[in-house]
Amino acid sequence: QVQLVESGGGLVQPGGSLRLSCAASGNIFTSDVMGWYRQAPGKQRELVATFTRSGSIVYRDSVKGRFTISRDISKNTVTLQMNSLKPEDTAVYYCNAQSTRWPTSWGQGTQVTVSS
């Protein structure tokens, strides 16, 4: 199983930006699924953005145009740039990786709080 370590969460005012990073302990291939989920208090974990096995990108509708996911295969990292943050973006954000080579992996989570 690959280990995932997230960084970059914090407190930001509405309209602000944050950048989340996730580093994987093993080699990530372009055919691997790697992305971000989030879970707000009292709610289910939901997909935010992810690279699919075909290499395409999927965003949840509420973050389209505001969030951008990117990855660096050579460094085994995936990044989520979050702009124009809203209070409803407040949640714990989790990095996720799926591969045919190892079980699905989750990071420990990083808190993002959007509040004035």
C-alpha atoms as a PDB file:
ATOM      1  CA  GLN A   1       0.000   0.000   0.000  1.00  0.00           C
ATOM      2  CA  VAL A   2       1.269   3.453  -0.845  1.00  0.00           C
ATOM      3  CA  GLN A   3       1.428   6.093   1.893  1.00  0.00           C
ATOM      4  CA  LEU A   4      -0.041   9.531   1.162  1.00  0.00           C
ATOM      5  CA  VAL A   5       0.964  12.678   3.055  1.00  0.00           C
ATOM      6  CA  GLU A   6      -1.051  15.878   2.616  1.00  0.00           C
ATOM      7  CA  SER A   7      -0.040  19.428   3.391  1.00  0.00           C
ATOM      8  CA  GLY A   8      -1.280  22.949   2.836  1.00  0.00           C
ATOM      9  CA  GLY A   9      -4.566  23.233   4.706  1.00  0.00           C
ATOM     10  CA  GLY A  10      -5.450  26.124   6.974  1.00  0.00           C
ATOM     11  CA  LEU A  11      -7.755  29.031   7.681  1.00  0.00           C
ATOM     12  CA  VAL A  12      -8.587  31.465   4.905  1.00  0.00           C
ATOM     13  CA  GLN A  13     -11.133  34.221   4.405  1.00  0.00           C
ATOM     14  CA  PRO A  14     -13.891  33.872   1.809  1.00  0.00           C
ATOM     15  CA  GLY A  15     -12.525  34.645  -1.623  1.00  0.00           C
ATOM     16  CA  GLY A  16      -9.046  33.553  -0.635  1.00  0.00           C
ATOM     17  CA  SER A  17      -6.845  30.766  -1.960  1.00  0.00           C
ATOM     18  CA  LEU A  18      -5.125  27.682  -0.635  1.00  0.00           C
ATOM     19  CA  ARG A  19      -2.910  25.082  -2.239  1.00  0.00           C
ATOM     20  CA  LEU A  20      -3.024  21.475  -1.068  1.00  0.00           C
ATOM     21  CA  SER A  21      -0.275  19.012  -1.880  1.00  0.00           C
ATOM     22  CA  CYS A  22      -0.134  15.235  -1.585  1.00  0.00           C
ATOM     23  CA  ALA A  23       3.032  13.185  -1.796  1.00  0.00           C
ATOM     24  CA  ALA A  24       2.931   9.448  -2.406  1.00  0.00           C
ATOM     25  CA  SER A  25       5.558   7.101  -0.982  1.00  0.00           C
ATOM     26  CA  GLY A  26       5.588   4.937  -4.097  1.00  0.00           C
ATOM     27  CA  ASN A  27       5.741   5.450  -7.817  1.00  0.00           C
ATOM     28  CA  ILE A  28       2.597   6.833  -9.388  1.00  0.00           C
ATOM     29  CA  PHE A  29       1.792   5.996 -12.992  1.00  0.00           C
ATOM     30  CA  THR A  30      -0.356   8.015 -15.352  1.00  0.00           C
ATOM     31  CA  SER A  31      -2.813   5.102 -15.339  1.00  0.00           C
ATOM     32  CA  ASP A  32      -3.344   5.438 -11.578  1.00  0.00           C
ATOM     33  CA  VAL A  33      -6.313   7.279 -10.128  1.00  0.00           C
ATOM     34  CA  MET A  34      -5.198  10.090  -7.862  1.00  0.00           C
ATOM     35  CA  GLY A  35      -7.242  12.920  -6.490  1.00  0.00           C
ATOM     36  CA  TRP A  36      -8.947  14.726  -3.638  1.00  0.00           C
ATOM     37  CA  TYR A  37     -12.057  14.130  -1.551  1.00  0.00           C
ATOM     38  CA  ARG A  38     -13.489  16.154   1.296  1.00  0.00           C
ATOM     39  CA  GLN A  39     -15.728  15.574   4.266  1.00  0.00           C
ATOM     40  CA  ALA A  40     -17.581  18.275   6.144  1.00  0.00           C
ATOM     41  CA  PRO A  41     -18.963  17.692   9.671  1.00  0.00           C
ATOM     42  CA  GLY A  42     -22.081  15.556   9.560  1.00  0.00           C
ATOM     43  CA  LYS A  43     -21.759  14.897   5.835  1.00  0.00           C
ATOM     44  CA  GLN A  44     -20.496  12.060   3.686  1.00  0.00           C
ATOM     45  CA  ARG A  45     -17.100  12.145   2.049  1.00  0.00           C
ATOM     46  CA  GLU A  46     -17.393  13.521  -1.466  1.00  0.00           C
ATOM     47  CA  LEU A  47     -15.221  13.689  -4.546  1.00  0.00           C
ATOM     48  CA  VAL A  48     -13.647  17.083  -5.217  1.00  0.00           C
ATOM     49  CA  ALA A  49     -11.355  16.431  -8.168  1.00  0.00           C
ATOM     50  CA  THR A  50      -9.460  13.473  -9.538  1.00  0.00           C
ATOM     51  CA  PHE A  51      -7.364  12.145 -12.362  1.00  0.00           C
ATOM     52  CA  THR A  52      -9.027   9.078 -13.861  1.00  0.00           C
ATOM     53  CA  ARG A  53      -7.305   5.942 -15.183  1.00  0.00           C
ATOM     54  CA  SER A  54      -7.464   7.377 -18.685  1.00  0.00           C
ATOM     55  CA  GLY A  55      -5.749  10.554 -17.515  1.00  0.00           C
ATOM     56  CA  SER A  56      -8.779  12.782 -17.777  1.00  0.00           C
ATOM     57  CA  ILE A  57      -9.862  15.058 -14.920  1.00  0.00           C
ATOM     58  CA  VAL A  58     -13.178  15.061 -13.121  1.00  0.00           C
ATOM     59  CA  TYR A  59     -14.349  17.932 -10.896  1.00  0.00           C
ATOM     60  CA  ARG A  60     -17.461  18.142  -8.788  1.00  0.00           C
ATOM     61  CA  ASP A  61     -19.733  20.814 -10.192  1.00  0.00           C
ATOM     62  CA  SER A  62     -19.496  23.162  -7.225  1.00  0.00           C
ATOM     63  CA  VAL A  63     -15.719  23.613  -7.623  1.00  0.00           C
ATOM     64  CA  LYS A  64     -15.481  23.892 -11.405  1.00  0.00           C
ATOM     65  CA  GLY A  65     -13.755  27.096 -12.428  1.00  0.00           C
ATOM     66  CA  ARG A  66     -12.375  27.638  -8.920  1.00  0.00           C
ATOM     67  CA  PHE A  67     -10.257  24.562  -8.198  1.00  0.00           C
ATOM     68  CA  THR A  68      -7.481  23.103 -10.340  1.00  0.00           C
ATOM     69  CA  ILE A  69      -5.916  19.691  -9.882  1.00  0.00           C
ATOM     70  CA  SER A  70      -2.459  18.936 -11.217  1.00  0.00           C
ATOM     71  CA  ARG A  71       0.143  16.250 -10.780  1.00  0.00           C
ATOM     72  CA  ASP A  72       3.858  15.698 -11.185  1.00  0.00           C
ATOM     73  CA  ILE A  73       4.451  12.050 -12.019  1.00  0.00           C
ATOM     74  CA  SER A  74       8.219  12.439 -11.635  1.00  0.00           C
ATOM     75  CA  LYS A  75       7.738  13.574  -8.015  1.00  0.00           C
ATOM     76  CA  ASN A  76       4.723  11.354  -7.242  1.00  0.00           C
ATOM     77  CA  THR A  77       2.683  14.350  -6.152  1.00  0.00           C
ATOM     78  CA  VAL A  78      -0.784  15.722  -6.801  1.00  0.00           C
ATOM     79  CA  THR A  79      -1.807  19.278  -6.033  1.00  0.00           C
ATOM     80  CA  LEU A  80      -5.131  21.031  -5.605  1.00  0.00           C
ATOM     81  CA  GLN A  81      -5.129  24.778  -6.173  1.00  0.00           C
ATOM     82  CA  MET A  82      -8.249  26.257  -4.595  1.00  0.00           C
ATOM     83  CA  ASN A  83      -9.278  29.808  -5.499  1.00  0.00           C
ATOM     84  CA  SER A  84     -12.324  31.904  -4.671  1.00  0.00           C
ATOM     85  CA  LEU A  85     -12.933  29.795  -1.603  1.00  0.00           C
ATOM     86  CA  LYS A  86     -16.366  29.809  -0.018  1.00  0.00           C
ATOM     87  CA  PRO A  87     -17.494  28.911   3.506  1.00  0.00           C
ATOM     88  CA  GLU A  88     -19.155  25.789   2.075  1.00  0.00           C
ATOM     89  CA  ASP A  89     -15.715  24.552   1.015  1.00  0.00           C
ATOM     90  CA  THR A  90     -14.861  24.085   4.688  1.00  0.00           C
ATOM     91  CA  ALA A  91     -14.017  20.425   5.275  1.00  0.00           C
ATOM     92  CA  VAL A  92     -11.261  17.951   5.891  1.00  0.00           C
ATOM     93  CA  TYR A  93      -9.612  17.251   2.545  1.00  0.00           C
ATOM     94  CA  TYR A  94      -8.230  13.793   1.833  1.00  0.00           C
ATOM     95  CA  CYS A  95      -5.818  12.657  -0.831  1.00  0.00           C
ATOM     96  CA  ASN A  96      -6.820   9.402  -2.526  1.00  0.00           C
ATOM     97  CA  ALA A  97      -4.878   7.027  -4.741  1.00  0.00           C
ATOM     98  CA  GLN A  98      -6.085   3.899  -6.532  1.00  0.00           C
ATOM     99  CA  SER A  99      -4.015   1.466  -8.542  1.00  0.00           C
ATOM    100  CA  THR A 100      -4.090  -2.077  -9.847  1.00  0.00           C
ATOM    101  CA  ARG A 101      -0.760  -2.532  -8.020  1.00  0.00           C
ATOM    102  CA  TRP A 102      -1.887  -1.807  -4.442  1.00  0.00           C
ATOM    103  CA  PRO A 103      -5.016  -1.295  -2.317  1.00  0.00           C
ATOM    104  CA  THR A 104      -6.807   2.041  -2.339  1.00  0.00           C
ATOM    105  CA  SER A 105      -4.939   4.492  -0.143  1.00  0.00           C
ATOM    106  CA  TRP A 106      -6.031   7.581   1.796  1.00  0.00           C
ATOM    107  CA  GLY A 107      -4.056  10.355   3.369  1.00  0.00           C
ATOM    108  CA  GLN A 108      -4.576  11.450   6.962  1.00  0.00           C
ATOM    109  CA  GLY A 109      -6.551  14.519   5.920  1.00  0.00           C
ATOM    110  CA  THR A 110      -5.909  18.244   6.146  1.00  0.00           C
ATOM    111  CA  GLN A 111      -8.375  20.797   7.512  1.00  0.00           C
ATOM    112  CA  VAL A 112      -9.525  23.640   5.290  1.00  0.00           C
ATOM    113  CA  THR A 113     -11.578  26.332   7.006  1.00  0.00           C
ATOM    114  CA  VAL A 114     -13.068  29.238   5.086  1.00  0.00           C
ATOM    115  CA  SER A 115     -14.334  31.895   7.454  1.00  0.00           C
ATOM    116  CA  SER A 116     -14.201  35.619   8.047  1.00  0.00           C
END
